[in-house]
Amino acid sequence: MLKFTQKEKILMHKLNTPAKVQDFLNSLSFNFEKTARRGENGETLKSPIMVLRTRSAHCAEGAILGAYILSLHGFQPFVLHLKATGDDYDHVVAPFKVNGFWGALSKTNHAVLRYREPIYKNIRELVMSYFHEYFLDNGKKTLRSYSKPLNLNIFGRCWEVEEKDLWKIDRELDKIKHYNIAPKIVFKNLRKAEKIEIKAGKIIEFKK
C-alpha cells in the first residue's frame, strides 16, 4: 500500500481553506484520460495520492482529491455528479459548506464550470448556478440532473492511497439518487447559448 510522503502531508496541511485547495487544483495539469504511469491511452480515476504523484487530474480526480484535502480540515468529503445529455460530458465537483452555505471545488480545463463561492442555501441552488454555463459548441444547454452529495467516508479507510483506479466511486456516483433539473417539457424550448458565450466557453487552460 502506498503512503503519503512528509512533503505531501505538509502540502495538504497548508491547503486549509477551500480557496487554497482550489488554487492548488488549478495548478495541476489537466488529465486528458491518459494513464501517466504506463503511457497508454485509456480512462483513469486516480486516487488522491496518485494525483499528487502525477500532478494531473480531470474533473472527477480533482473533485476526489479536493474533497479528501478538505476532510483533513474538518469538512465532510463530498463529491457531486452533474449529469448531462448523452451528447455531452458529465462533470463532478466537490461541494463544501461554510457558515451554513454551500460552495464547490471544480477542476476543469475550460473558462466555465469552475469554483463556486459558499453563498448557496442548498445543493439545488449550487447546481443551478452551473446550468447556463453547461452547453455544447452548437449552443445546446445540456445539464439535466444532479446527484445527492456522495460522502467518500462510506468507502472506509485507505481509498485515498490506492494505487489502482477508484472505479468503485464512479459506480457509486452512478447508483446514488439523482434529481432532475426540471421536467422534460421545459427542455424542448430552451434558448441556445449566444455566440459570444460559446466563444468564451472555448477558452482552455491546458492544451492537449
Protein backbone atom coordinates (compact mmCIF):
# COMPACT_ATOMS: atom_id res chain seq x y z
CA MET A 1 0.00 0.00 0.00
CA LEU A 2 1.23 3.49 -0.84
CA LYS A 3 1.82 6.14 1.82
CA PHE A 4 1.89 9.92 1.66
CA THR A 5 5.35 11.38 1.97
CA GLN A 6 6.10 14.01 4.62
CA LYS A 7 6.26 16.62 1.86
CA GLU A 8 2.80 15.63 0.62
CA LYS A 9 1.39 15.75 4.15
CA ILE A 10 2.82 19.22 4.73
CA LEU A 11 1.36 20.43 1.44
CA MET A 12 -2.13 19.16 2.28
CA HIS A 13 -1.86 20.63 5.78
CA LYS A 14 -1.17 24.06 4.26
CA LEU A 15 -4.20 23.82 1.98
CA ASN A 16 -6.53 24.62 4.86
CA THR A 17 -9.29 26.57 3.10
CA PRO A 18 -11.45 25.77 0.06
CA ALA A 19 -9.90 28.69 -1.84
CA LYS A 20 -6.37 27.35 -1.25
CA VAL A 21 -7.41 23.87 -2.33
CA GLN A 22 -8.96 25.30 -5.50
CA ASP A 23 -5.79 27.23 -6.30
CA PHE A 24 -3.82 24.00 -5.96
CA LEU A 25 -6.23 22.07 -8.18
CA ASN A 26 -5.88 24.80 -10.81
CA SER A 27 -2.10 24.34 -10.75
CA LEU A 28 -2.36 20.67 -11.75
CA SER A 29 -2.13 19.80 -15.42
CA PHE A 30 -5.35 18.59 -16.97
CA ASN A 31 -5.54 14.83 -17.39
CA PHE A 32 -6.75 14.08 -20.92
CA GLU A 33 -7.56 10.47 -19.96
CA LYS A 34 -4.05 9.07 -20.30
CA THR A 35 -2.61 6.69 -17.73
CA ALA A 36 0.54 8.62 -16.91
CA ARG A 37 2.31 5.69 -15.23
CA ARG A 38 2.05 3.34 -18.22
CA GLY A 39 1.86 5.83 -21.05
CA GLU A 40 -1.15 4.03 -22.53
CA ASN A 41 -4.38 5.60 -23.70
CA GLY A 42 -7.39 4.92 -21.54
CA GLU A 43 -9.65 6.32 -18.89
CA THR A 44 -8.39 6.81 -15.34
CA LEU A 45 -9.84 7.66 -11.94
CA LYS A 46 -6.73 8.19 -9.86
CA SER A 47 -6.73 8.27 -6.06
CA PRO A 48 -5.56 11.41 -4.23
CA ILE A 49 -2.06 10.04 -3.74
CA MET A 50 -1.74 9.19 -7.43
CA VAL A 51 -2.96 12.66 -8.46
CA LEU A 52 -0.30 14.19 -6.23
CA ARG A 53 2.35 11.91 -7.75
CA THR A 54 1.35 12.52 -11.39
CA ARG A 55 0.45 16.20 -10.87
CA SER A 56 -2.51 15.90 -13.22
CA ALA A 57 -6.26 15.45 -12.84
CA HIS A 58 -9.53 15.56 -14.72
CA CYS A 59 -12.74 16.78 -13.08
CA ALA A 60 -13.55 13.65 -11.05
CA GLU A 61 -9.95 13.14 -9.93
CA GLY A 62 -9.73 16.79 -8.90
CA ALA A 63 -13.02 16.62 -7.01
CA ILE A 64 -11.95 13.48 -5.13
CA LEU A 65 -8.57 14.96 -4.20
CA GLY A 66 -10.18 18.26 -3.20
CA ALA A 67 -12.78 16.50 -1.05
CA TYR A 68 -10.07 14.47 0.66
CA ILE A 69 -7.91 17.51 1.44
CA LEU A 70 -10.93 19.38 2.81
CA SER A 71 -11.70 16.39 5.05
CA LEU A 72 -8.30 16.88 6.71
CA HIS A 73 -9.53 20.30 7.82
CA GLY A 74 -12.91 19.38 9.27
CA PHE A 75 -15.10 19.27 6.16
CA GLN A 76 -17.11 16.27 5.00
CA PRO A 77 -15.52 14.66 1.89
CA PHE A 78 -18.39 15.15 -0.56
CA VAL A 79 -18.42 14.74 -4.33
CA LEU A 80 -21.37 15.58 -6.57
CA HIS A 81 -22.27 14.28 -10.04
CA LEU A 82 -23.65 16.72 -12.63
CA LYS A 83 -25.30 14.63 -15.36
CA ALA A 84 -25.62 15.93 -18.91
CA THR A 85 -27.36 14.69 -22.04
CA GLY A 86 -25.74 11.81 -23.88
CA ASP A 87 -24.02 14.10 -26.39
CA ASP A 88 -22.07 15.97 -23.68
CA TYR A 89 -19.70 15.12 -20.84
CA ASP A 90 -20.80 14.80 -17.23
CA HIS A 91 -18.97 16.80 -14.56
CA VAL A 92 -18.01 16.10 -10.94
CA VAL A 93 -17.45 18.75 -8.27
CA ALA A 94 -16.66 18.70 -4.54
CA PRO A 95 -19.34 20.62 -2.61
CA PHE A 96 -18.46 22.09 0.78
CA LYS A 97 -20.33 24.02 3.44
CA VAL A 98 -19.20 27.21 5.21
CA ASN A 99 -21.39 29.05 7.73
CA GLY A 100 -24.41 27.09 6.52
CA PHE A 101 -23.92 27.91 2.84
CA TRP A 102 -22.72 25.67 0.01
CA GLY A 103 -19.87 26.20 -2.44
CA ALA A 104 -17.91 23.82 -4.68
CA LEU A 105 -14.42 22.95 -5.82
CA SER A 106 -14.16 22.21 -9.54
CA LYS A 107 -11.28 21.02 -11.72
CA THR A 108 -11.92 21.92 -15.34
CA ASN A 109 -9.93 22.87 -18.41
CA HIS A 110 -12.43 25.49 -19.54
CA ALA A 111 -13.34 29.05 -18.58
CA VAL A 112 -16.68 27.87 -17.19
CA LEU A 113 -17.97 25.24 -14.71
CA ARG A 114 -15.42 26.41 -12.14
CA TYR A 115 -15.16 27.14 -8.39
CA ARG A 116 -18.27 28.35 -6.57
CA GLU A 117 -18.14 30.60 -3.52
CA PRO A 118 -20.10 29.30 -0.49
CA ILE A 119 -23.15 31.54 -0.97
CA TYR A 120 -25.81 28.98 -1.91
CA LYS A 121 -28.56 27.96 0.52
CA ASN A 122 -28.77 24.35 -0.65
CA ILE A 123 -27.37 21.87 -3.16
CA ARG A 124 -30.01 22.63 -5.78
CA GLU A 125 -29.14 26.32 -5.72
CA LEU A 126 -25.47 25.41 -6.12
CA VAL A 127 -26.17 23.09 -9.06
CA MET A 128 -28.39 25.60 -10.82
CA SER A 129 -25.50 28.07 -10.86
CA TYR A 130 -23.88 25.75 -13.43
CA PHE A 131 -26.91 25.36 -15.70
CA HIS A 132 -26.42 28.27 -18.12
CA GLU A 133 -22.68 27.56 -18.47
CA TYR A 134 -23.29 23.94 -19.45
CA PHE A 135 -23.64 23.86 -23.25
CA LEU A 136 -22.25 22.32 -26.42
CA ASP A 137 -20.45 24.11 -29.25
CA ASN A 138 -23.80 24.46 -31.02
CA GLY A 139 -25.26 26.30 -28.02
CA LYS A 140 -27.48 23.47 -26.76
CA LYS A 141 -27.79 23.57 -22.94
CA THR A 142 -27.22 20.05 -21.68
CA LEU A 143 -27.30 19.81 -17.87
CA ARG A 144 -30.23 17.57 -16.90
CA SER A 145 -29.79 16.15 -13.38
CA TYR A 146 -27.57 16.06 -10.33
CA SER A 147 -26.80 13.57 -7.62
CA LYS A 148 -27.13 13.61 -3.90
CA PRO A 149 -23.72 14.52 -2.42
CA LEU A 150 -21.70 11.32 -2.04
CA ASN A 151 -19.76 11.12 1.22
CA LEU A 152 -16.46 9.39 0.47
CA ASN A 153 -16.27 8.17 4.09
CA ILE A 154 -18.52 5.28 3.05
CA PHE A 155 -15.51 3.71 1.34
CA GLY A 156 -13.72 3.21 4.64
CA ARG A 157 -10.00 3.62 5.07
CA CYS A 158 -7.16 3.77 2.57
CA TRP A 159 -9.05 4.62 -0.64
CA GLU A 160 -7.04 7.85 -0.72
CA VAL A 161 -3.76 5.94 -1.09
CA GLU A 162 -4.82 3.20 -3.50
CA GLU A 163 -2.55 2.67 -6.48
CA LYS A 164 -5.42 1.31 -8.58
CA ASP A 165 -8.13 3.46 -10.14
CA LEU A 166 -11.13 4.26 -7.93
CA TRP A 167 -13.86 2.91 -10.18
CA LYS A 168 -15.90 1.99 -7.09
CA ILE A 169 -16.50 5.72 -6.54
CA ASP A 170 -17.58 6.13 -10.16
CA ARG A 171 -20.02 3.23 -9.84
CA GLU A 172 -21.49 4.65 -6.64
CA LEU A 173 -21.95 8.08 -8.25
CA ASP A 174 -23.96 6.37 -11.00
CA LYS A 175 -26.13 4.50 -8.49
CA ILE A 176 -26.79 7.25 -5.97
CA LYS A 177 -30.10 9.14 -6.12
CA HIS A 178 -30.27 11.83 -8.80
CA TYR A 179 -32.67 14.77 -9.10
CA ASN A 180 -34.00 16.24 -12.33
CA ILE A 181 -33.16 19.87 -13.06
CA ALA A 182 -36.68 20.39 -14.46
CA PRO A 183 -39.50 18.43 -16.17
CA LYS A 184 -38.66 17.18 -19.66
CA ILE A 185 -41.14 19.54 -21.31
CA VAL A 186 -39.05 22.52 -20.16
CA PHE A 187 -36.06 21.43 -22.24
CA LYS A 188 -37.99 21.50 -25.53
CA ASN A 189 -37.95 25.28 -25.66
CA LEU A 190 -34.59 26.27 -24.21
CA ARG A 191 -32.85 29.21 -25.85
CA LYS A 192 -29.38 28.33 -27.07
CA ALA A 193 -26.26 29.92 -25.64
CA GLU A 194 -25.20 33.04 -27.53
CA LYS A 195 -22.25 33.14 -29.92
CA ILE A 196 -20.14 35.18 -27.52
CA GLU A 197 -20.85 32.67 -24.73
CA ILE A 198 -19.82 29.79 -26.98
CA LYS A 199 -16.64 31.64 -27.90
CA ALA A 200 -15.81 32.29 -24.23
CA GLY A 201 -16.54 28.63 -23.42
CA LYS A 202 -13.77 27.52 -25.78
CA ILE A 203 -11.05 29.19 -23.71
CA ILE A 204 -8.87 26.50 -22.14
CA GLU A 205 -6.03 26.42 -19.60
CA PHE A 206 -4.12 23.38 -20.86
CA LYS A 207 -3.59 22.27 -24.44
CA LYS A 208 -3.93 18.58 -25.24
